[in-house]
Protein backbone atom coordinates (compact mmCIF):
# COMPACT_ATOMS: atom_id res chain seq x y z
CA UNK A 1 -12.04 49.95 -27.99
CA UNK A 2 -9.21 52.45 -28.70
CA UNK A 3 -9.45 51.87 -32.45
CA UNK A 4 -13.17 52.68 -32.41
CA UNK A 5 -12.49 55.93 -30.55
CA UNK A 6 -9.76 56.92 -33.03
CA UNK A 7 -12.11 56.34 -35.96
CA UNK A 8 -14.72 58.59 -34.45
CA UNK A 9 -12.05 61.30 -33.84
CA UNK A 10 -10.93 61.11 -37.44
CA UNK A 11 -14.50 61.53 -38.66
CA UNK A 12 -14.92 64.58 -36.43
CA UNK A 13 -11.70 66.09 -37.76
CA UNK A 14 -12.87 65.52 -41.34
CA UNK A 15 -16.17 67.24 -40.58
CA UNK A 16 -14.29 70.18 -39.04
CA UNK A 17 -12.10 70.46 -42.15
CA UNK A 18 -15.14 70.56 -44.41
CA UNK A 19 -16.68 73.26 -42.24
CA UNK A 20 -13.51 75.36 -42.38
CA UNK A 21 -13.23 74.88 -46.14
CA UNK A 22 -16.78 76.12 -46.59
CA UNK A 23 -15.81 79.24 -44.65
CA UNK A 24 -12.75 79.83 -46.84
CA UNK A 25 -10.23 78.65 -44.28
CA UNK A 26 -8.62 75.93 -46.41
CA UNK A 27 -5.06 76.93 -45.45
CA UNK A 28 -5.67 75.90 -41.81
CA UNK A 29 -7.32 72.58 -42.66
CA UNK A 30 -4.07 70.54 -42.71
CA UNK A 31 -3.26 71.91 -39.25
CA UNK A 32 -6.54 70.48 -38.00
CA UNK A 33 -5.85 67.02 -39.53
CA UNK A 34 -2.30 66.67 -38.15
CA UNK A 35 -3.26 66.19 -34.46
CA UNK A 36 -5.75 63.46 -35.46
CA UNK A 37 -3.06 61.57 -37.42
CA UNK A 38 -0.55 61.92 -34.55
CA UNK A 39 -3.16 60.81 -32.03
CA UNK A 40 -3.97 57.71 -34.10
CA UNK A 41 -0.29 56.72 -34.34
CA UNK A 42 0.23 57.24 -30.63
CA UNK A 43 -2.89 55.24 -29.88
CA UNK A 44 -1.64 52.40 -32.10
CA UNK A 45 1.69 52.45 -30.25
CA UNK A 46 -0.16 52.50 -26.90
CA UNK A 47 -2.30 49.59 -28.04
CA UNK A 48 0.81 47.63 -29.07
CA UNK A 49 2.43 48.49 -25.74
CA UNK A 50 -0.72 47.30 -23.90
CA UNK A 51 -0.65 44.04 -25.86
CA UNK A 52 3.02 43.53 -25.05
CA UNK A 53 2.39 44.31 -21.39
CA UNK A 54 -0.57 41.90 -21.35
CA UNK A 55 1.58 39.21 -22.99
CA UNK A 56 4.35 39.86 -20.46
CA UNK A 57 1.84 39.66 -17.62
CA UNK A 58 0.43 36.40 -18.95
CA UNK A 59 3.95 34.96 -19.36
CA UNK A 60 4.82 35.98 -15.81
CA UNK A 61 1.61 34.39 -14.54
CA UNK A 62 2.36 31.21 -16.50
CA UNK A 63 5.90 31.12 -15.08
CA UNK A 64 4.52 31.58 -11.55
CA UNK A 65 1.99 28.80 -12.10
CA UNK A 66 4.73 26.57 -13.48
CA UNK A 67 6.92 27.27 -10.43
CA UNK A 68 3.98 26.57 -8.09
CA UNK A 69 3.27 23.32 -9.95
CA UNK A 70 6.92 22.31 -9.77
CA UNK A 71 7.05 23.06 -6.05
CA UNK A 72 3.80 21.14 -5.50
CA UNK A 73 5.18 18.20 -7.48
CA UNK A 74 8.39 18.27 -5.50
CA UNK A 75 6.47 18.47 -2.22
CA UNK A 76 4.22 15.62 -3.34
CA UNK A 77 7.26 13.59 -4.35
CA UNK A 78 8.86 14.28 -0.99
CA UNK A 79 5.65 13.26 0.80
CA UNK A 80 5.37 10.09 -1.30
CA UNK A 81 9.03 9.30 -0.63
CA UNK A 82 8.48 9.85 3.08
CA UNK A 83 5.42 7.59 2.99
CA UNK A 84 7.44 4.97 1.12
CA UNK A 85 10.19 5.21 3.74
CA UNK A 86 7.64 4.74 6.52
CA UNK A 87 6.15 1.73 4.73
CA UNK A 88 9.62 0.27 4.19
CA UNK A 89 10.45 0.75 7.85
CA UNK A 90 7.22 -1.01 8.79
CA UNK A 91 8.13 -4.00 6.60
CA UNK A 92 11.61 -4.12 8.10
CA UNK A 93 10.15 -4.05 11.60
CA UNK A 94 7.95 -7.03 10.79
CA UNK A 95 10.97 -8.79 9.30
CA UNK A 96 9.02 -10.37 6.44
CA UNK A 97 6.55 -9.37 3.75
CA UNK A 98 2.91 -10.13 4.52
CA UNK A 99 1.61 -13.47 3.25
CA UNK A 100 4.96 -14.96 2.18
CA UNK A 101 4.75 -18.72 1.54
CA UNK A 102 7.77 -20.88 2.38
CA UNK A 103 8.02 -24.58 1.60
CA UNK A 104 8.98 -27.02 4.37
CA UNK A 105 8.05 -30.60 3.42
CA UNK A 106 9.18 -32.27 6.67
CA UNK A 107 7.57 -35.65 7.41
CA UNK A 108 7.78 -37.90 10.44
CA UNK A 109 6.03 -41.09 11.54
CA UNK A 110 4.82 -41.82 15.03
CA UNK A 111 5.79 -45.49 15.35
CA UNK A 112 3.59 -46.02 18.43
CA UNK A 113 0.37 -44.93 16.71
CA UNK A 114 1.20 -45.26 13.04
CA UNK A 115 0.38 -41.57 12.46
CA UNK A 116 2.23 -39.85 9.60
CA UNK A 117 2.65 -36.11 10.15
CA UNK A 118 3.74 -33.76 7.37
CA UNK A 119 4.65 -30.10 7.86
CA UNK A 120 3.98 -29.01 4.31
CA UNK A 121 4.60 -25.24 4.34
CA UNK A 122 4.09 -22.01 6.24
CA UNK A 123 2.63 -18.63 5.36
CA UNK A 124 4.68 -15.96 7.10
CA UNK A 125 4.04 -12.36 8.11
CA UNK A 126 0.24 -12.46 8.02
CA UNK A 127 -1.79 -9.38 8.95
CA UNK A 128 -3.47 -9.97 12.27
CA UNK A 129 -5.54 -8.42 15.04
CA UNK A 130 -4.58 -11.12 17.51
CA UNK A 131 -4.44 -9.65 21.01
CA UNK A 132 -0.74 -10.44 21.53
CA UNK A 133 0.08 -8.61 18.30
CA UNK A 134 -1.57 -5.48 19.71
CA UNK A 135 0.86 -5.53 22.63
CA UNK A 136 3.84 -6.63 20.58
CA UNK A 137 3.63 -5.59 16.89
CA UNK A 138 7.19 -6.79 16.24
CA UNK A 139 6.08 -10.42 16.47
CA UNK A 140 4.78 -12.52 13.60
CA UNK A 141 1.58 -14.40 12.80
CA UNK A 142 2.33 -17.66 11.00
CA UNK A 143 -0.08 -20.04 9.28
CA UNK A 144 1.39 -23.54 9.52
CA UNK A 145 0.17 -25.98 6.86
CA UNK A 146 -0.05 -29.57 8.13
CA UNK A 147 -1.18 -32.87 6.62
CA UNK A 148 -1.86 -35.93 8.75
CA UNK A 149 -2.57 -39.55 7.95
CA UNK A 150 -3.76 -41.34 11.06
CA UNK A 151 -2.86 -44.88 12.05
CA UNK A 152 -5.57 -47.42 12.84
CA UNK A 153 -4.27 -48.70 16.19
CA UNK A 154 -5.79 -46.08 18.48
CA UNK A 155 -8.63 -43.61 18.71
CA UNK A 156 -8.43 -40.00 19.77
CA UNK A 157 -7.65 -36.81 17.87
CA UNK A 158 -4.55 -35.35 16.27
CA UNK A 159 -5.06 -31.81 17.58
CA UNK A 160 -4.08 -28.36 16.29
CA UNK A 161 -2.68 -27.80 19.78
CA UNK A 162 -0.03 -30.47 19.16
CA UNK A 163 1.98 -28.15 16.87
CA UNK A 164 4.44 -25.68 18.42
CA UNK A 165 6.86 -22.94 17.41
CA UNK A 166 9.82 -21.66 19.40
CA UNK A 167 9.17 -18.16 20.74
CA UNK A 168 12.36 -16.82 22.32
CA UNK A 169 13.08 -20.11 24.09
CA UNK A 170 9.46 -20.90 24.97
CA UNK A 171 7.23 -23.10 22.83
CA UNK A 172 3.85 -21.66 21.85
CA UNK A 173 1.01 -23.27 19.92
CA UNK A 174 -2.38 -22.53 18.37
CA UNK A 175 -3.54 -18.89 18.52
CA UNK A 176 -7.09 -19.81 19.46
CA UNK A 177 -8.81 -16.57 18.45
CA UNK A 178 -7.09 -16.14 15.07
CA UNK A 179 -8.83 -18.94 13.17
CA UNK A 180 -11.52 -16.58 11.83
CA UNK A 181 -8.99 -14.22 10.26
CA UNK A 182 -7.13 -17.22 8.80
CA UNK A 183 -10.36 -18.35 7.13
CA UNK A 184 -11.11 -14.77 6.01
CA UNK A 185 -7.67 -14.72 4.34
CA UNK A 186 -8.75 -17.71 2.22
CA UNK A 187 -7.03 -20.60 4.05
CA UNK A 188 -8.56 -23.86 5.23
CA UNK A 189 -8.44 -24.12 9.00
CA UNK A 190 -7.08 -27.34 10.54
CA UNK A 191 -9.55 -28.09 13.30
CA UNK A 192 -7.95 -31.34 14.43
CA UNK A 193 -8.37 -34.75 12.84
CA UNK A 194 -10.03 -37.70 14.61
CA UNK A 195 -8.07 -40.85 13.90
CA UNK A 196 -11.32 -42.42 12.79
CA UNK A 197 -11.38 -39.95 9.85
CA UNK A 198 -8.13 -41.36 8.55
CA UNK A 199 -6.59 -38.10 7.31
CA UNK A 200 -6.87 -34.32 7.37
CA UNK A 201 -5.17 -31.17 6.19
CA UNK A 202 -5.27 -27.42 6.81
CA UNK A 203 -3.55 -24.43 8.38
CA UNK A 204 -2.95 -23.58 12.04
CA UNK A 205 -2.44 -19.95 13.17
CA UNK A 206 0.48 -19.55 15.58
CA UNK A 207 1.74 -16.18 16.83
CA UNK A 208 5.33 -15.69 18.03
CA UNK A 209 6.32 -12.54 19.88
CA UNK A 210 9.98 -13.09 19.05
CA UNK A 211 10.46 -13.81 15.36
CA UNK A 212 13.55 -14.35 13.23
CA UNK A 213 14.79 -15.34 9.78
CA UNK A 214 14.27 -19.03 10.59
CA UNK A 215 12.03 -20.53 13.25
CA UNK A 216 12.14 -23.92 14.93
CA UNK A 217 9.01 -25.95 15.50
CA UNK A 218 7.81 -29.30 16.74
CA UNK A 219 4.93 -31.72 16.63
CA UNK A 220 4.36 -33.15 20.11
CA UNK A 221 1.91 -35.96 20.80
CA UNK A 222 1.56 -36.25 24.54
CA UNK A 223 1.78 -39.52 26.43
CA UNK A 224 -1.44 -41.52 26.11
CA UNK A 225 -3.05 -43.94 28.52
CA UNK A 226 -4.60 -47.02 26.98
CA UNK A 227 -8.18 -47.43 28.18
CA UNK A 228 -8.88 -50.70 29.98
CA UNK A 229 -5.21 -51.45 30.34
CA UNK A 230 -2.57 -50.55 32.85
CA UNK A 231 -0.32 -49.22 30.14
CA UNK A 232 0.62 -45.97 28.45
CA UNK A 233 1.95 -44.93 25.06
CA UNK A 234 5.04 -42.73 25.46
CA UNK A 235 4.97 -39.25 23.96
CA UNK A 236 6.26 -38.61 20.48
CA UNK A 237 8.14 -35.53 19.28
CA UNK A 238 9.09 -34.60 15.73
CA UNK A 239 10.96 -31.38 14.96
CA UNK A 240 11.04 -29.14 11.90
CA UNK A 241 12.27 -25.71 10.82
CA UNK A 242 10.53 -22.86 9.05
CA UNK A 243 13.02 -21.32 6.60
CA UNK A 244 13.53 -17.65 5.92
CA UNK A 245 11.35 -16.20 3.14
């Protein structure tokens, strides 16, 4: 815009010079041109100064934006680090990563019935909404994988309630309302095996309020009374250990 104004001023000065020359005032014509030339130079300098100031302003704005971005990145990094710390603390509180499989492979035979019981593995640290977990989130939901091959001497059922884990000195068994979430997690639920079926396999959900690196467990078949006879079959107990992940 300033260059357009200067051009129009120069044209006006030239017209004035021609008018003065026509009147015989040629000696004063250079004096009329000089202010126009000075004005144009000053305007060019002003324009360059404006450009420099605009560039400086843009650089300052860019620097400010860069500082804001850096601060935002740092804040975001701090927030992410804080979130990571919280997540890490949560994992440490649980004591084990969610869904960690540990191999066990303990097998025992009930000589009275001929049943062969295998504790194959366990899945530790499972996410759960079991009611005891709501009151005590520092416990642990465990999916115990069992395989049974029943003997042919007796009837009855090898039950999911026959498998126990030690919970701070007290033995606890099947978490009866957690089978749906076990199935939702993709595991086959062990719903007990009638001896007439011969064999069965699956997972049993057991929640312990007091967990640890290793956990002790047991299979306990209670004493059985033989129908039609005045005799009983003594209980059987086989013990195993769930290792640390």
